[in-house]
């Protein structure tokens, strides 16, 4: 993943994030033999704009473009949903971040989502993803600090079905 950002102003940044994906999955067959599948290629591309609303609040809005493949195959069979390099769907990517410093402790909270906007060409879409993360930390010296982070993610179910997989 490459993250290219440009500061339009002191408060507004825009970015593009093209992806190259490489995945490998091992498995055990019913007869006890081992197998594996490996897939690689261009993934979905994300475009993003972030704006510093105030000293403590940053809002972001992005879109994911379906530039990755949803048609990867192995041995003539369609690869599973999670082994594809793309989603095949446009995605809305909103985010809000609050950061603050109290005495010597920095803390923040961020909420973001990946909202699928359409079914792909294979008649399915991944579930929406909602994420909430909070953190706090303290620097003890110029070069040493400690941070604690809590993270919650809710991922929805795949909607629809690829007839090449679910026949």
Foldseek 3Di string as FASTA:
>chain_A
DDWDWDPPDPFKIKIKDKDKDKDKDKDADPVGDIDMDIDIGTAWMKIKMWGDPDPFKIKMKIKTHFPWDQADDDPPARDDCVRTRYFQFMWIKIKMKGWDDDDQKIKIKMKIKTHTDDQGPQFKGWFIKIKIKMKMKGAPDPPDIDMDMDMDMDTDHMPTDRPSPPD
